[in-house]
Amino acid sequence: AVGSVLVDPRNNRRVMAGVGDKRESSIEQATVFRSTNGGTSFQVVQFGPQSASNKSILQLAYDAKRRRVYAATAEGGLWRGNNFGAPGQWSQIAAPAGMSDRVESVAVANDGTLYAAFGRANADGSQLFASRDQGASWLPLGEPVADTFKPENTPIGDSFAFRNLVVDPRSTRNRHSVLT
């Protein structure tokens, strides 16, 4: 199954599809299909170590200024692929302290600010973080959110994990709108 699709906004001939079906997967190595000819053909690109952990790609994001792809994986952490995720160009980004290798979602603002929702270590749910240095350091945004459904009178922000992040392209350096 395809977990996420990405098209380079500056060159629509560059397309990427991340392998994974969100939660039900036996994928043991993160894998993307990368095309530089508009999808006429695709190259299989695998990255990260092989293990029994679920490496499904939950979301892909693109930093057009730096030509970097980010991949959020179900149990394999957050990855950065240079040169639109070319083979051999992938490296793992360290999770913030107290967070697990489950990364629910990732998005990049037009100024390069990176947003990611990391799963909490030894707990349900996820927490949203921002980084202005491509993941070298993380700033927590708000409180962790539980991954279980709660009664109807609970505010929506407290009911679910952060998934499918989108940054409004009209965001400015001083103010970003992030949807989840």
N, C-alpha and C. Protein backbone atom coordinates (compact mmCIF):
# COMPACT_ATOMS: atom_id res chain seq x y z
N ALA A 1 0.85 -1.19 0.00
CA ALA A 1 0.00 0.00 0.00
C ALA A 1 0.88 1.24 0.00
N VAL A 2 0.35 2.33 -0.49
CA VAL A 2 1.05 3.61 -0.50
C VAL A 2 0.56 4.43 0.68
N GLY A 3 1.48 4.84 1.55
CA GLY A 3 1.12 5.61 2.74
C GLY A 3 1.08 7.10 2.50
N SER A 4 1.87 7.59 1.52
CA SER A 4 1.94 9.03 1.27
C SER A 4 2.52 9.26 -0.12
N VAL A 5 2.06 10.32 -0.79
CA VAL A 5 2.55 10.70 -2.11
C VAL A 5 3.03 12.14 -2.03
N LEU A 6 4.11 12.42 -2.76
CA LEU A 6 4.71 13.75 -2.74
C LEU A 6 5.09 14.13 -4.17
N VAL A 7 4.75 15.36 -4.58
CA VAL A 7 5.14 15.89 -5.87
C VAL A 7 5.94 17.16 -5.62
N ASP A 8 7.10 17.28 -6.25
CA ASP A 8 7.93 18.48 -6.11
C ASP A 8 7.17 19.66 -6.72
N PRO A 9 6.85 20.70 -5.92
CA PRO A 9 6.07 21.83 -6.45
C PRO A 9 6.84 22.65 -7.50
N ARG A 10 8.15 22.50 -7.55
CA ARG A 10 8.95 23.24 -8.53
C ARG A 10 9.24 22.43 -9.79
N ASN A 11 9.00 21.11 -9.73
CA ASN A 11 9.27 20.25 -10.86
C ASN A 11 8.35 19.04 -10.75
N ASN A 12 7.19 19.10 -11.42
CA ASN A 12 6.20 18.04 -11.26
C ASN A 12 6.61 16.72 -11.90
N ARG A 13 7.77 16.67 -12.48
CA ARG A 13 8.30 15.39 -12.98
C ARG A 13 8.92 14.56 -11.86
N ARG A 14 9.15 15.21 -10.71
CA ARG A 14 9.71 14.51 -9.55
C ARG A 14 8.58 14.13 -8.61
N VAL A 15 8.38 12.82 -8.47
CA VAL A 15 7.27 12.27 -7.70
C VAL A 15 7.83 11.21 -6.75
N MET A 16 7.24 11.12 -5.56
CA MET A 16 7.67 10.10 -4.61
C MET A 16 6.44 9.51 -3.94
N ALA A 17 6.49 8.20 -3.73
CA ALA A 17 5.43 7.50 -3.01
C ALA A 17 6.08 6.69 -1.89
N GLY A 18 5.55 6.84 -0.67
CA GLY A 18 6.07 6.12 0.49
C GLY A 18 5.27 4.86 0.72
N VAL A 19 5.95 3.74 0.95
CA VAL A 19 5.29 2.44 1.14
C VAL A 19 4.84 2.29 2.58
N GLY A 20 3.61 1.86 2.75
CA GLY A 20 3.09 1.59 4.07
C GLY A 20 1.59 1.77 4.11
N ASP A 21 0.94 1.05 5.00
CA ASP A 21 -0.50 1.20 5.10
C ASP A 21 -0.92 1.63 6.51
N LYS A 22 -0.23 2.61 7.01
CA LYS A 22 -0.52 3.28 8.28
C LYS A 22 -0.26 2.41 9.50
N ARG A 23 -1.00 1.39 9.77
CA ARG A 23 -0.83 0.63 11.01
C ARG A 23 -0.64 -0.87 10.81
N GLU A 24 -1.14 -1.42 9.74
CA GLU A 24 -1.12 -2.87 9.53
C GLU A 24 -0.03 -3.21 8.53
N SER A 25 1.20 -3.37 8.99
CA SER A 25 2.28 -3.57 8.05
C SER A 25 3.35 -4.51 8.59
N SER A 26 3.97 -5.23 7.68
CA SER A 26 5.11 -6.07 8.03
C SER A 26 6.38 -5.54 7.37
N ILE A 27 6.36 -4.29 6.93
CA ILE A 27 7.51 -3.67 6.27
C ILE A 27 8.65 -3.55 7.28
N GLU A 28 9.82 -4.04 6.90
CA GLU A 28 10.96 -4.05 7.81
C GLU A 28 12.07 -3.09 7.42
N GLN A 29 11.89 -2.35 6.32
CA GLN A 29 12.85 -1.31 5.94
C GLN A 29 12.08 -0.21 5.23
N ALA A 30 12.35 1.04 5.63
CA ALA A 30 11.65 2.17 5.01
C ALA A 30 11.92 2.16 3.51
N THR A 31 10.86 2.35 2.72
CA THR A 31 10.98 2.28 1.26
C THR A 31 10.13 3.37 0.62
N VAL A 32 10.72 4.04 -0.37
CA VAL A 32 9.97 4.98 -1.20
C VAL A 32 10.19 4.60 -2.66
N PHE A 33 9.21 4.96 -3.48
CA PHE A 33 9.35 4.85 -4.93
C PHE A 33 9.56 6.27 -5.43
N ARG A 34 10.66 6.49 -6.15
CA ARG A 34 11.08 7.82 -6.58
C ARG A 34 11.10 7.89 -8.11
N SER A 35 10.45 8.90 -8.66
CA SER A 35 10.42 9.11 -10.10
C SER A 35 10.96 10.50 -10.43
N THR A 36 11.74 10.58 -11.47
CA THR A 36 12.22 11.88 -11.96
C THR A 36 11.68 12.16 -13.36
N ASN A 37 10.74 11.31 -13.81
CA ASN A 37 10.17 11.48 -15.15
C ASN A 37 8.64 11.52 -15.12
N GLY A 38 8.08 12.11 -14.08
CA GLY A 38 6.64 12.30 -13.99
C GLY A 38 5.86 11.03 -13.73
N GLY A 39 6.50 9.98 -13.23
CA GLY A 39 5.81 8.74 -12.92
C GLY A 39 5.82 7.72 -14.03
N THR A 40 6.53 8.00 -15.12
CA THR A 40 6.64 7.00 -16.19
C THR A 40 7.35 5.76 -15.67
N SER A 41 8.38 5.96 -14.85
CA SER A 41 9.07 4.85 -14.19
C SER A 41 9.47 5.30 -12.79
N PHE A 42 9.65 4.32 -11.91
CA PHE A 42 10.01 4.60 -10.52
C PHE A 42 11.24 3.78 -10.13
N GLN A 43 12.05 4.36 -9.27
CA GLN A 43 13.20 3.68 -8.69
C GLN A 43 12.87 3.36 -7.23
N VAL A 44 13.14 2.13 -6.79
CA VAL A 44 12.93 1.75 -5.40
C VAL A 44 14.12 2.27 -4.59
N VAL A 45 13.83 3.04 -3.54
CA VAL A 45 14.87 3.56 -2.65
C VAL A 45 14.56 3.08 -1.24
N GLN A 46 15.46 2.30 -0.67
CA GLN A 46 15.30 1.83 0.70
C GLN A 46 16.33 2.52 1.58
N PHE A 47 15.95 2.79 2.83
CA PHE A 47 16.87 3.46 3.74
C PHE A 47 16.61 3.00 5.15
N GLY A 48 17.62 3.19 5.99
CA GLY A 48 17.52 2.77 7.38
C GLY A 48 17.81 1.30 7.54
N PRO A 49 17.98 0.87 8.78
CA PRO A 49 18.29 -0.53 9.04
C PRO A 49 17.09 -1.44 8.84
N GLN A 50 17.35 -2.69 8.56
CA GLN A 50 16.28 -3.68 8.53
C GLN A 50 16.06 -4.19 9.93
N SER A 51 14.80 -4.31 10.32
CA SER A 51 14.45 -4.87 11.63
C SER A 51 13.00 -5.32 11.57
N ALA A 52 12.57 -5.99 12.63
CA ALA A 52 11.18 -6.46 12.68
C ALA A 52 10.20 -5.33 12.95
N SER A 53 10.71 -4.13 13.27
CA SER A 53 9.82 -2.98 13.54
C SER A 53 9.16 -2.50 12.26
N ASN A 54 7.97 -1.94 12.38
CA ASN A 54 7.19 -1.43 11.26
C ASN A 54 7.81 -0.15 10.71
N LYS A 55 8.27 -0.19 9.47
CA LYS A 55 8.89 0.97 8.84
C LYS A 55 7.97 1.63 7.81
N SER A 56 6.66 1.43 7.96
CA SER A 56 5.71 2.06 7.04
C SER A 56 5.90 3.57 7.02
N ILE A 57 5.83 4.16 5.84
CA ILE A 57 5.90 5.61 5.69
C ILE A 57 4.49 6.15 5.98
N LEU A 58 4.36 6.94 7.05
CA LEU A 58 3.06 7.52 7.40
C LEU A 58 2.82 8.84 6.69
N GLN A 59 3.88 9.63 6.48
CA GLN A 59 3.72 10.90 5.77
C GLN A 59 5.07 11.34 5.22
N LEU A 60 5.04 11.91 4.02
CA LEU A 60 6.20 12.53 3.39
C LEU A 60 6.00 14.04 3.36
N ALA A 61 7.08 14.80 3.50
CA ALA A 61 7.03 16.25 3.38
C ALA A 61 8.25 16.70 2.60
N TYR A 62 8.15 17.86 1.97
CA TYR A 62 9.25 18.35 1.12
C TYR A 62 9.62 19.77 1.47
N ASP A 63 10.92 20.00 1.63
CA ASP A 63 11.49 21.33 1.83
C ASP A 63 12.09 21.74 0.48
N ALA A 64 11.32 22.51 -0.30
CA ALA A 64 11.73 22.86 -1.66
C ALA A 64 13.00 23.71 -1.69
N LYS A 65 13.20 24.57 -0.70
CA LYS A 65 14.40 25.42 -0.69
C LYS A 65 15.67 24.60 -0.57
N ARG A 66 15.62 23.53 0.22
CA ARG A 66 16.81 22.71 0.47
C ARG A 66 16.80 21.41 -0.32
N ARG A 67 15.73 21.16 -1.09
CA ARG A 67 15.56 19.94 -1.88
C ARG A 67 15.66 18.70 -1.01
N ARG A 68 15.03 18.77 0.18
CA ARG A 68 15.05 17.66 1.13
C ARG A 68 13.65 17.09 1.31
N VAL A 69 13.60 15.77 1.37
CA VAL A 69 12.36 15.05 1.66
C VAL A 69 12.46 14.57 3.10
N TYR A 70 11.34 14.62 3.82
CA TYR A 70 11.27 14.08 5.17
C TYR A 70 10.25 12.96 5.17
N ALA A 71 10.58 11.87 5.87
CA ALA A 71 9.70 10.72 5.94
C ALA A 71 9.43 10.37 7.40
N ALA A 72 8.15 10.36 7.77
CA ALA A 72 7.71 9.94 9.10
C ALA A 72 7.36 8.46 9.00
N THR A 73 7.96 7.65 9.88
CA THR A 73 7.71 6.21 9.82
C THR A 73 7.00 5.72 11.08
N ALA A 74 6.28 4.61 10.93
CA ALA A 74 5.46 4.08 12.02
C ALA A 74 6.29 3.68 13.24
N GLU A 75 7.44 3.07 13.04
CA GLU A 75 8.28 2.69 14.18
C GLU A 75 9.76 2.82 13.84
N GLY A 76 10.07 3.58 12.81
CA GLY A 76 11.47 3.69 12.38
C GLY A 76 12.06 5.07 12.51
N GLY A 77 11.33 6.01 13.13
CA GLY A 77 11.85 7.35 13.33
C GLY A 77 11.56 8.30 12.17
N LEU A 78 12.20 9.46 12.25
CA LEU A 78 12.07 10.51 11.23
C LEU A 78 13.35 10.51 10.39
N TRP A 79 13.18 10.56 9.07
CA TRP A 79 14.30 10.49 8.14
C TRP A 79 14.32 11.69 7.21
N ARG A 80 15.52 12.10 6.81
CA ARG A 80 15.71 13.20 5.86
C ARG A 80 16.46 12.65 4.65
N GLY A 81 15.91 12.91 3.46
CA GLY A 81 16.56 12.49 2.21
C GLY A 81 16.95 13.70 1.40
N ASN A 82 18.24 13.88 1.18
CA ASN A 82 18.72 15.00 0.35
C ASN A 82 18.50 14.69 -1.12
N ASN A 83 18.58 15.73 -1.95
CA ASN A 83 18.44 15.60 -3.40
C ASN A 83 17.16 14.84 -3.77
N PHE A 84 16.04 15.30 -3.22
CA PHE A 84 14.72 14.69 -3.42
C PHE A 84 14.75 13.20 -3.11
N GLY A 85 15.44 12.84 -2.02
CA GLY A 85 15.44 11.46 -1.53
C GLY A 85 16.17 10.47 -2.41
N ALA A 86 17.25 10.91 -3.04
CA ALA A 86 18.03 10.03 -3.90
C ALA A 86 18.63 8.87 -3.08
N PRO A 87 18.92 7.76 -3.73
CA PRO A 87 19.53 6.63 -3.02
C PRO A 87 20.84 7.06 -2.34
N GLY A 88 21.07 6.55 -1.13
CA GLY A 88 22.28 6.87 -0.41
C GLY A 88 22.30 8.25 0.22
N GLN A 89 21.19 8.98 0.14
CA GLN A 89 21.14 10.36 0.63
C GLN A 89 20.28 10.50 1.89
N TRP A 90 19.92 9.40 2.53
CA TRP A 90 19.01 9.42 3.68
C TRP A 90 19.77 9.34 5.00
N SER A 91 19.32 10.11 5.98
CA SER A 91 19.88 10.05 7.34
C SER A 91 18.75 10.22 8.34
N GLN A 92 18.92 9.57 9.50
CA GLN A 92 17.89 9.64 10.53
C GLN A 92 18.06 10.90 11.37
N ILE A 93 16.95 11.49 11.77
CA ILE A 93 16.93 12.66 12.64
C ILE A 93 16.57 12.18 14.04
N ALA A 94 17.34 12.59 15.02
CA ALA A 94 17.10 12.16 16.40
C ALA A 94 15.77 12.70 16.92
N ALA A 95 15.07 11.84 17.64
CA ALA A 95 13.80 12.23 18.27
C ALA A 95 14.09 13.09 19.50
N PRO A 96 13.17 13.98 19.85
CA PRO A 96 13.33 14.74 21.10
C PRO A 96 13.36 13.80 22.30
N ALA A 97 13.95 14.25 23.39
CA ALA A 97 14.03 13.45 24.62
C ALA A 97 12.63 13.01 25.06
N GLY A 98 12.49 11.76 25.46
CA GLY A 98 11.22 11.24 25.95
C GLY A 98 10.26 10.80 24.86
N MET A 99 10.68 10.89 23.60
CA MET A 99 9.81 10.49 22.49
C MET A 99 10.31 9.18 21.90
N SER A 100 9.43 8.47 21.22
CA SER A 100 9.76 7.17 20.64
C SER A 100 10.14 7.32 19.17
N ASP A 101 10.38 6.16 18.52
CA ASP A 101 10.68 6.15 17.09
C ASP A 101 9.41 6.14 16.24
N ARG A 102 8.24 6.28 16.86
CA ARG A 102 6.98 6.41 16.12
C ARG A 102 6.81 7.88 15.78
N VAL A 103 6.75 8.18 14.49
CA VAL A 103 6.54 9.57 14.05
C VAL A 103 5.25 9.58 13.25
N GLU A 104 4.23 10.18 13.83
CA GLU A 104 2.89 10.16 13.23
C GLU A 104 2.79 11.00 11.96
N SER A 105 3.51 12.13 11.93
CA SER A 105 3.38 13.02 10.78
C SER A 105 4.54 14.00 10.73
N VAL A 106 4.70 14.62 9.56
CA VAL A 106 5.77 15.60 9.35
C VAL A 106 5.30 16.61 8.30
N ALA A 107 5.71 17.87 8.46
CA ALA A 107 5.39 18.92 7.49
C ALA A 107 6.49 19.97 7.55
N VAL A 108 6.65 20.72 6.45
CA VAL A 108 7.66 21.77 6.37
C VAL A 108 6.99 23.06 5.94
N ALA A 109 7.25 24.14 6.68
CA ALA A 109 6.74 25.47 6.32
C ALA A 109 7.60 26.05 5.20
N ASN A 110 7.08 27.07 4.52
CA ASN A 110 7.82 27.65 3.41
C ASN A 110 9.12 28.34 3.83
N ASP A 111 9.31 28.61 5.11
CA ASP A 111 10.58 29.18 5.58
C ASP A 111 11.54 28.10 6.05
N GLY A 112 11.17 26.82 5.91
CA GLY A 112 12.03 25.71 6.29
C GLY A 112 11.79 25.16 7.68
N THR A 113 10.87 25.77 8.45
CA THR A 113 10.56 25.23 9.78
C THR A 113 9.96 23.84 9.61
N LEU A 114 10.50 22.90 10.36
CA LEU A 114 10.08 21.51 10.30
C LEU A 114 9.14 21.23 11.48
N TYR A 115 8.01 20.60 11.20
CA TYR A 115 7.06 20.18 12.23
C TYR A 115 6.96 18.66 12.20
N ALA A 116 6.94 18.04 13.36
CA ALA A 116 6.78 16.59 13.44
C ALA A 116 6.02 16.22 14.70
N ALA A 117 5.21 15.18 14.60
CA ALA A 117 4.47 14.65 15.75
C ALA A 117 5.11 13.32 16.13
N PHE A 118 5.81 13.32 17.24
CA PHE A 118 6.50 12.12 17.73
C PHE A 118 5.62 11.40 18.73
N GLY A 119 5.67 10.07 18.68
CA GLY A 119 4.99 9.27 19.69
C GLY A 119 5.74 9.39 21.01
N ARG A 120 4.98 9.33 22.11
CA ARG A 120 5.61 9.40 23.43
C ARG A 120 6.17 8.04 23.82
N ALA A 121 7.36 8.01 24.39
CA ALA A 121 7.96 6.76 24.84
C ALA A 121 7.15 6.20 26.00
N ASN A 122 6.84 4.92 25.94
CA ASN A 122 6.12 4.22 27.02
C ASN A 122 4.76 4.83 27.34
N ALA A 123 4.10 5.45 26.37
CA ALA A 123 2.77 6.05 26.59
C ALA A 123 2.03 6.13 25.26
N ASP A 124 0.72 6.27 25.35
CA ASP A 124 -0.09 6.47 24.15
C ASP A 124 0.02 7.92 23.69
N GLY A 125 -0.34 8.14 22.44
CA GLY A 125 -0.47 9.49 21.93
C GLY A 125 0.81 10.04 21.35
N SER A 126 0.76 11.31 20.98
CA SER A 126 1.90 11.97 20.36
C SER A 126 1.97 13.41 20.82
N GLN A 127 3.11 14.04 20.52
CA GLN A 127 3.30 15.45 20.85
C GLN A 127 3.90 16.13 19.63
N LEU A 128 3.44 17.35 19.38
CA LEU A 128 3.89 18.13 18.25
C LEU A 128 5.13 18.94 18.62
N PHE A 129 6.11 18.95 17.70
CA PHE A 129 7.36 19.68 17.89
C PHE A 129 7.67 20.50 16.65
N ALA A 130 8.47 21.56 16.82
CA ALA A 130 8.95 22.38 15.71
C ALA A 130 10.46 22.48 15.78
N SER A 131 11.09 22.60 14.61
CA SER A 131 12.54 22.77 14.53
C SER A 131 12.86 23.77 13.43
N ARG A 132 13.68 24.75 13.76
CA ARG A 132 14.13 25.73 12.75
C ARG A 132 15.51 25.38 12.20
N ASP A 133 16.08 24.24 12.67
CA ASP A 133 17.41 23.84 12.20
C ASP A 133 17.39 22.41 11.63
N GLN A 134 16.34 22.08 10.90
CA GLN A 134 16.17 20.81 10.20
C GLN A 134 16.27 19.58 11.11
N GLY A 135 15.86 19.74 12.36
CA GLY A 135 15.79 18.61 13.27
C GLY A 135 16.97 18.46 14.21
N ALA A 136 17.92 19.40 14.21
CA ALA A 136 19.05 19.33 15.14
C ALA A 136 18.56 19.59 16.57
N SER A 137 17.56 20.45 16.72
CA SER A 137 16.95 20.69 18.03
C SER A 137 15.44 20.85 17.84
N TRP A 138 14.68 20.54 18.89
CA TRP A 138 13.22 20.53 18.82
C TRP A 138 12.62 21.38 19.92
N LEU A 139 11.55 22.09 19.60
CA LEU A 139 10.79 22.88 20.55
C LEU A 139 9.41 22.24 20.68
N PRO A 140 9.00 21.81 21.88
CA PRO A 140 7.66 21.21 22.03
C PRO A 140 6.58 22.28 21.87
N LEU A 141 5.50 21.91 21.23
CA LEU A 141 4.36 22.81 21.02
C LEU A 141 3.16 22.24 21.75
N GLY A 142 2.73 22.85 22.82
CA GLY A 142 1.56 22.39 23.55
C GLY A 142 1.84 21.14 24.34
N GLU A 143 0.79 20.51 24.77
CA GLU A 143 0.84 19.32 25.61
C GLU A 143 0.70 18.06 24.76
N PRO A 144 1.18 16.92 25.26
CA PRO A 144 0.97 15.66 24.55
C PRO A 144 -0.52 15.38 24.41
N VAL A 145 -0.87 14.66 23.35
CA VAL A 145 -2.27 14.31 23.09
C VAL A 145 -2.42 12.81 23.16
N ALA A 146 -3.41 12.33 23.92
CA ALA A 146 -3.64 10.89 24.05
C ALA A 146 -4.13 10.31 22.74
N ASP A 147 -3.79 9.05 22.50
CA ASP A 147 -4.14 8.38 21.26
C ASP A 147 -5.47 7.63 21.35
N THR A 148 -6.15 7.72 22.47
CA THR A 148 -7.40 7.00 22.64
C THR A 148 -8.58 7.96 22.61
N PHE A 149 -9.72 7.49 22.15
CA PHE A 149 -10.92 8.32 22.11
C PHE A 149 -11.43 8.54 23.53
N LYS A 150 -11.89 9.74 23.80
CA LYS A 150 -12.41 10.08 25.13
C LYS A 150 -13.88 10.47 25.02
N PRO A 151 -14.56 10.62 26.13
CA PRO A 151 -15.99 10.97 26.10
C PRO A 151 -16.28 12.25 25.31
N GLU A 152 -17.53 12.40 24.90
CA GLU A 152 -17.94 13.52 24.05
C GLU A 152 -17.64 14.88 24.63
N ASN A 153 -17.62 15.03 25.94
CA ASN A 153 -17.41 16.36 26.51
C ASN A 153 -15.93 16.75 26.57
N THR A 154 -15.02 15.90 26.07
CA THR A 154 -13.60 16.21 26.04
C THR A 154 -13.31 17.07 24.81
N PRO A 155 -12.55 18.15 24.96
CA PRO A 155 -12.20 18.96 23.79
C PRO A 155 -11.50 18.12 22.73
N ILE A 156 -11.72 18.43 21.47
CA ILE A 156 -11.16 17.64 20.37
C ILE A 156 -9.64 17.57 20.46
N GLY A 157 -8.98 18.64 20.84
CA GLY A 157 -7.53 18.65 20.93
C GLY A 157 -6.98 17.63 21.89
N ASP A 158 -7.78 17.16 22.82
CA ASP A 158 -7.32 16.17 23.79
C ASP A 158 -7.68 14.74 23.39
N SER A 159 -8.30 14.54 22.25
CA SER A 159 -8.84 13.23 21.92
C SER A 159 -7.97 12.37 21.02
N PHE A 160 -7.14 12.94 20.19
CA PHE A 160 -6.47 12.17 19.16
C PHE A 160 -4.99 12.53 19.05
N ALA A 161 -4.24 11.63 18.41
CA ALA A 161 -2.85 11.92 18.10
C ALA A 161 -2.78 12.88 16.91
N PHE A 162 -1.67 13.56 16.77
CA PHE A 162 -1.48 14.47 15.64
C PHE A 162 -1.11 13.65 14.41
N ARG A 163 -1.93 13.73 13.37
CA ARG A 163 -1.66 12.99 12.14
C ARG A 163 -1.93 13.89 10.94
N ASN A 164 -1.22 13.61 9.85
CA ASN A 164 -1.42 14.31 8.57
C ASN A 164 -1.27 15.82 8.70
N LEU A 165 -0.11 16.26 9.15
CA LEU A 165 0.16 17.69 9.30
C LEU A 165 0.22 18.38 7.94
N VAL A 166 -0.32 19.60 7.90
CA VAL A 166 -0.25 20.45 6.72
C VAL A 166 0.04 21.87 7.21
N VAL A 167 1.03 22.52 6.61
CA VAL A 167 1.33 23.91 6.94
C VAL A 167 0.71 24.79 5.86
N ASP A 168 -0.05 25.78 6.27
CA ASP A 168 -0.67 26.73 5.33
C ASP A 168 0.45 27.43 4.57
N PRO A 169 0.44 27.37 3.23
CA PRO A 169 1.52 28.00 2.45
C PRO A 169 1.56 29.52 2.58
N ARG A 170 0.52 30.12 3.13
CA ARG A 170 0.52 31.57 3.35
C ARG A 170 1.17 31.96 4.67
N SER A 171 1.65 30.97 5.43
CA SER A 171 2.30 31.26 6.71
C SER A 171 3.52 32.16 6.50
N THR A 172 3.80 32.98 7.51
CA THR A 172 4.96 33.87 7.45
C THR A 172 6.03 33.37 8.42
N ARG A 173 7.19 33.97 8.39
CA ARG A 173 8.30 33.56 9.28
C ARG A 173 7.89 33.66 10.76
N ASN A 174 7.06 34.63 11.09
CA ASN A 174 6.66 34.86 12.48
C ASN A 174 5.37 34.17 12.89
N ARG A 175 4.63 33.64 11.91
CA ARG A 175 3.35 33.02 12.26
C ARG A 175 3.02 31.91 11.25
N HIS A 176 2.92 30.70 11.76
CA HIS A 176 2.56 29.56 10.94
C HIS A 176 1.20 29.03 11.35
N SER A 177 0.43 28.62 10.38
CA SER A 177 -0.81 27.90 10.64
C SER A 177 -0.57 26.45 10.27
N VAL A 178 -0.71 25.56 11.25
CA VAL A 178 -0.48 24.13 11.03
C VAL A 178 -1.80 23.40 11.29
N LEU A 179 -2.23 22.64 10.31
CA LEU A 179 -3.46 21.88 10.42
C LEU A 179 -3.13 20.41 10.63
N THR A 180 -3.97 19.72 11.38
CA THR A 180 -3.78 18.30 11.60
C THR A 180 -5.12 17.59 11.58
